[in-house]
Protein backbone atom coordinates (compact mmCIF):
# COMPACT_ATOMS: atom_id res chain seq x y z
CA MET A 1 0.00 0.00 0.00
CA MET A 2 1.02 3.60 -0.46
CA LEU A 3 2.99 5.34 2.26
CA THR A 4 0.21 7.92 2.40
CA THR A 5 -2.36 5.18 3.09
CA HIS A 6 -0.25 4.01 6.04
CA VAL A 7 -0.07 7.55 7.41
CA LEU A 8 -3.84 7.90 7.17
CA VAL A 9 -4.30 4.57 8.97
CA GLY A 10 -1.97 5.80 11.73
CA LEU A 11 -4.05 8.97 12.11
CA ALA A 12 -7.26 6.93 12.16
CA LEU A 13 -5.89 4.69 14.93
CA ALA A 14 -4.99 7.76 17.00
CA THR A 15 -8.17 9.78 16.45
CA PRO A 16 -10.23 8.06 19.23
CA VAL A 17 -7.79 9.58 21.76
CA LEU A 18 -9.32 12.97 20.91
CA ALA A 19 -12.64 11.81 22.37
CA VAL A 20 -11.15 10.22 25.48
CA ALA A 21 -8.33 12.64 26.30
CA PRO A 22 -8.33 15.69 24.01
CA GLU A 23 -5.23 17.09 25.73
CA LEU A 24 -3.29 14.05 24.47
CA GLY A 25 -4.63 14.28 20.93
CA VAL A 26 -1.58 15.95 19.39
CA PRO A 27 1.01 13.43 20.66
CA ALA A 28 -1.34 10.56 19.76
CA LEU A 29 -1.86 11.84 16.20
CA ALA A 30 1.84 12.61 15.76
CA GLY A 31 2.80 9.16 17.04
CA GLY A 32 0.24 7.46 14.79
CA ALA A 33 1.27 9.37 11.67
CA ILE A 34 5.01 8.86 12.22
CA GLY A 35 4.54 5.21 13.19
CA GLY A 36 2.43 4.64 10.09
CA ALA A 37 5.21 6.02 7.90
CA PHE A 38 8.26 4.72 9.77
CA PRO A 39 8.64 1.19 8.35
CA ASP A 40 8.88 2.59 4.82
CA ALA A 41 12.08 4.44 5.75
CA ASP A 42 13.72 1.24 4.46
CA MET A 43 12.39 1.95 0.96
CA TYR A 44 15.86 1.81 -0.62
CA THR A 45 17.58 -0.56 1.81
CA ALA A 46 16.01 -4.02 1.60
CA HIS A 47 12.46 -2.70 1.52
CA ARG A 48 9.90 -4.44 3.74
CA ARG A 49 12.70 -6.21 5.55
CA THR A 50 15.04 -3.73 7.23
CA LEU A 51 12.44 -1.81 9.27
CA HIS A 52 9.39 -4.03 8.85
CA PHE A 53 8.75 -6.15 11.96
CA PRO A 54 5.20 -7.55 11.82
CA VAL A 55 5.65 -9.63 14.98
CA TYR A 56 8.01 -7.50 17.06
CA PHE A 57 6.18 -4.18 16.56
CA ALA A 58 2.94 -5.89 17.61
CA ALA A 59 4.61 -7.48 20.65
CA LEU A 60 5.95 -4.08 21.74
CA ALA A 61 2.67 -2.28 21.05
CA VAL A 62 0.69 -4.38 23.55
CA PRO A 63 2.62 -3.36 26.71
CA ALA A 64 3.04 0.19 25.36
CA LEU A 65 -0.74 0.52 25.02
CA GLY A 66 -1.16 -0.88 28.53
CA LEU A 67 1.33 1.64 29.90
CA ALA A 68 -0.42 4.50 28.08
CA ALA A 69 -3.75 3.38 29.56
CA VAL A 70 -2.52 3.34 33.18
CA ALA A 71 -0.07 6.24 32.91
CA PRO A 72 -1.27 8.49 30.10
CA THR A 73 1.32 11.13 29.32
CA PRO A 74 2.26 12.71 25.98
CA ALA A 75 5.32 10.43 25.78
CA THR A 76 3.57 7.15 26.63
CA VAL A 77 0.62 7.89 24.34
CA ALA A 78 2.86 8.93 21.43
CA LEU A 79 5.01 5.81 21.85
CA ALA A 80 1.98 3.52 22.06
CA LEU A 81 0.41 4.94 18.91
CA PHE A 82 3.76 4.90 17.10
CA LEU A 83 4.22 1.19 17.81
CA LEU A 84 0.59 0.33 17.06
CA ALA A 85 0.65 2.15 13.71
CA ALA A 86 4.00 0.59 12.77
CA ALA A 87 2.67 -2.87 13.65
CA VAL A 88 -0.48 -2.34 11.58
CA HIS A 89 1.64 -1.02 8.68
CA CYS A 90 3.72 -4.20 8.62
CA ARG A 91 0.64 -6.42 8.81
CA MET A 92 -1.12 -4.44 6.08
CA ASP A 93 1.76 -4.86 3.66
CA ALA A 94 1.02 -8.59 3.55
CA PHE A 95 -2.51 -7.76 2.32
CA GLY A 96 -1.11 -6.00 -0.73
CA GLY A 97 1.12 -6.97 -3.64
CA GLY A 98 4.67 -8.24 -3.74
CA LEU A 99 7.99 -6.48 -4.11
CA GLU A 100 8.42 -6.74 -7.87
CA LEU A 101 8.86 -3.61 -9.97
CA ARG A 102 5.45 -4.22 -11.56
CA PRO A 103 3.45 -5.77 -8.72
CA TRP A 104 0.22 -5.88 -10.75
CA LYS A 105 1.78 -8.85 -12.61
CA GLY A 106 1.76 -10.88 -9.38
CA THR A 107 5.13 -12.59 -9.90
CA SER A 108 6.67 -12.07 -6.45
CA ASP A 109 6.01 -14.25 -3.42
CA ARG A 110 7.53 -11.69 -1.03
CA ALA A 111 5.28 -9.21 0.75
CA VAL A 112 6.93 -8.50 4.11
CA TYR A 113 9.73 -10.21 5.99
CA ASP A 114 8.87 -11.95 9.25
CA HIS A 115 12.04 -11.75 11.37
CA TYR A 116 10.49 -13.89 14.11
CA ARG A 117 9.93 -16.83 11.78
CA GLY A 118 12.87 -16.05 9.50
CA ARG A 119 10.89 -16.06 6.28
CA TRP A 120 8.94 -13.85 3.90
CA ARG A 121 5.19 -13.61 4.21
CA SER A 122 3.39 -14.07 0.91
CA PRO A 123 1.30 -11.26 -0.58
CA ARG A 124 -2.46 -11.78 -0.36
CA ARG A 125 -3.14 -9.11 -2.99
CA TRP A 126 -6.42 -7.94 -1.46
CA ILE A 127 -5.09 -4.58 -2.60
CA ARG A 128 -3.27 -5.59 -5.75
CA TYR A 129 -0.39 -3.11 -5.56
CA ASP A 130 0.60 0.21 -4.03
CA GLY A 131 -1.25 2.94 -5.87
CA ALA A 132 -3.99 0.62 -7.15
CA PRO A 133 -7.47 2.14 -7.44
CA GLU A 134 -8.57 0.19 -4.37
CA ASP A 135 -5.57 1.52 -2.42
CA PHE A 136 -6.59 5.07 -3.27
CA ALA A 137 -10.24 4.31 -2.46
CA PHE A 138 -9.27 2.94 0.95
CA GLY A 139 -7.17 6.03 1.68
CA LEU A 140 -10.00 8.27 0.55
CA ALA A 141 -12.50 6.44 2.79
CA LEU A 142 -10.19 7.09 5.74
CA GLY A 143 -9.04 10.55 4.73
CA VAL A 144 -12.34 12.34 4.16
CA PRO A 145 -13.71 11.69 7.69
CA LEU A 146 -10.30 12.49 9.16
CA TRP A 147 -10.20 15.78 7.29
CA VAL A 148 -13.63 16.65 8.74
CA VAL A 149 -12.74 15.65 12.31
CA LEU A 150 -9.18 16.94 12.60
CA ASP A 151 -7.97 20.50 12.51
CA GLY A 152 -4.74 22.48 12.53
CA PRO A 153 -1.71 20.83 10.95
CA PHE A 154 -3.33 17.39 10.93
CA ASP A 155 -6.14 18.25 8.54
CA LEU A 156 -3.48 19.79 6.29
CA LEU A 157 -1.52 16.54 6.55
CA VAL A 158 -4.63 14.59 5.54
CA ALA A 159 -5.28 16.88 2.58
CA ALA A 160 -1.66 16.60 1.46
CA ALA A 161 -1.74 12.81 1.82
CA LEU A 162 -4.87 12.57 -0.32
CA ALA A 163 -3.43 14.87 -2.97
CA VAL A 164 -0.18 12.89 -3.17
CA SER A 165 -2.17 9.64 -3.23
CA ALA A 166 -4.26 10.83 -6.16
CA VAL A 167 -1.22 11.82 -8.21
CA TYR A 168 0.70 8.65 -7.36
CA ALA A 169 -2.26 6.40 -8.18
CA ALA A 170 -2.71 8.19 -11.51
CA VAL A 171 0.90 7.61 -12.62
CA ARG A 172 1.77 4.40 -10.75
CA LYS A 173 1.78 2.06 -13.74
CA ARG A 174 3.99 4.42 -15.72
CA LEU A 175 6.71 4.67 -13.07
CA PRO A 176 8.62 1.45 -13.93
CA ASP A 177 9.06 2.68 -17.50
CA LEU A 178 10.68 5.86 -16.20
CA ALA A 179 13.36 4.02 -14.19
CA PRO A 180 15.78 3.51 -17.12
CA VAL A 181 15.33 7.13 -18.25
CA VAL A 182 16.00 8.48 -14.76
CA ALA A 183 19.02 6.16 -14.42
CA GLU A 184 20.61 7.75 -17.47
CA VAL A 185 20.47 11.27 -16.04
CA ALA A 186 20.82 10.55 -12.31
CA PRO A 187 24.15 11.38 -10.63
CA GLU A 188 26.22 8.26 -10.00
CA PRO A 189 25.76 8.24 -6.18
CA LEU A 190 21.98 8.09 -6.69
CA GLU A 191 21.95 5.23 -9.20
CA SER A 192 22.04 2.55 -6.51
CA TYR A 193 18.72 3.88 -5.16
CA LEU A 194 16.86 3.35 -8.43
CA PRO A 195 14.96 0.10 -9.04
CA ASP A 196 16.65 -2.47 -11.24
CA GLU A 197 14.39 -3.78 -14.01
CA SER A 198 16.13 -7.16 -13.92
CA GLU A 199 16.08 -7.53 -10.15
CA GLU A 200 13.77 -10.08 -8.56
CA ARG A 201 13.71 -9.48 -4.84
């Protein structure tokens, strides 16, 4: 799924805190948004393996949520929502497509790496690939209510996430064809960060 979808999910997980403890809403929303995005910081370094921990994030989120419930502070709430959103991100990636350059072809059996079991989880392809119409629709279904409920910088974040999602979804299938063109003009230090058409991960 798109990074923006994960951010919106993180915000959605944190939004109930606004009803229970409005004074903790900002750290909860910040933790959820950052946690939703965090695993994808490994985008160019063994993506969905380096920072994706579907078991360990979940195992850490449970006691963190318990701590936030009995000792609610900005730090404990932010940490709990960060870990919860990161755990959900890693689980959600298994519901999407694989790691191939053109995931709509369904040729990869690698969705997210499970460090606990020492193996890759297979893609279920409920959302066929990042940027698929159903990925955008899911983000939109989350984003519109969030935009109505939230205010300040968070409704701006939602609006930006939806705008980026719309553009990315519109051009997603064209991006693999641009990789060789970009590789020709990219400075040498950046070439290693571009996807390799021949690489099967």
